Amino acid sequence: MKSTRKGLREGELEKDTYGRLTCSDCGKSLATKNDPDEVYTVRHCPECDREWKELR
């Protein structure tokens, strides 16, 4: 699983005008899975089920 910063650099993710992360393949806004036992938050695309991690 890649980080959101790496996904932005590689063109897999885009930021819209309000700073929200969107999937560049399908254009959907990313949803969040927050596990309290982990150091990072998982951001996933509800359309294509790809995932990226984001440090808190």
Protein backbone atom coordinates (compact mmCIF):
# COMPACT_ATOMS: atom_id res chain seq x y z
CA MET A 1 0.00 0.00 0.00
CA LYS A 2 1.45 3.36 -1.05
CA SER A 3 1.26 6.61 0.86
CA THR A 4 -1.00 9.43 -0.28
CA ARG A 5 2.03 11.66 -0.93
CA LYS A 6 3.53 9.03 -3.24
CA GLY A 7 0.16 8.62 -4.96
CA LEU A 8 0.03 12.38 -5.59
CA ARG A 9 3.56 12.40 -7.02
CA GLU A 10 2.86 9.44 -9.32
CA GLY A 11 -0.43 10.86 -10.59
CA GLU A 12 -2.71 8.25 -8.99
CA LEU A 13 -4.34 10.91 -6.80
CA GLU A 14 -5.34 14.52 -7.38
CA LYS A 15 -6.36 17.34 -5.07
CA ASP A 16 -9.42 19.39 -5.96
CA THR A 17 -9.77 23.12 -5.34
CA TYR A 18 -10.80 22.50 -1.72
CA GLY A 19 -7.82 20.21 -0.96
CA ARG A 20 -9.80 16.96 -1.00
CA LEU A 21 -8.08 13.90 -2.42
CA THR A 22 -9.69 12.27 -5.45
CA CYS A 23 -8.80 9.15 -7.44
CA SER A 24 -7.42 10.13 -10.84
CA ASP A 25 -8.78 6.95 -12.51
CA CYS A 26 -12.46 7.34 -11.64
CA GLY A 27 -12.64 10.89 -10.23
CA LYS A 28 -14.32 9.86 -6.95
CA SER A 29 -13.43 11.47 -3.62
CA LEU A 30 -11.54 9.16 -1.24
CA ALA A 31 -13.21 7.72 1.85
CA THR A 32 -11.43 7.12 5.17
CA LYS A 33 -10.96 3.99 7.27
CA ASN A 34 -9.61 4.93 10.71
CA ASP A 35 -8.21 2.09 12.83
CA PRO A 36 -7.30 3.39 16.32
CA ASP A 37 -4.54 0.78 16.72
CA GLU A 38 -2.61 1.97 13.65
CA VAL A 39 -0.37 5.01 13.23
CA TYR A 40 -1.84 5.80 9.83
CA THR A 41 -5.28 6.31 8.30
CA VAL A 42 -6.29 4.27 5.26
CA ARG A 43 -7.80 6.30 2.41
CA HIS A 44 -9.65 4.23 -0.18
CA CYS A 45 -11.56 4.83 -3.38
CA PRO A 46 -15.14 3.52 -3.10
CA GLU A 47 -15.36 3.01 -6.89
CA CYS A 48 -12.17 1.07 -7.74
CA ASP A 49 -11.17 -0.18 -4.21
CA ARG A 50 -7.58 1.08 -4.36
CA GLU A 51 -6.02 2.09 -1.03
CA TRP A 52 -3.39 4.55 0.19
CA LYS A 53 -2.13 5.22 3.71
CA GLU A 54 -1.86 8.65 5.27
CA LEU A 55 0.15 9.37 8.41
CA ARG A 56 -1.75 11.12 11.18
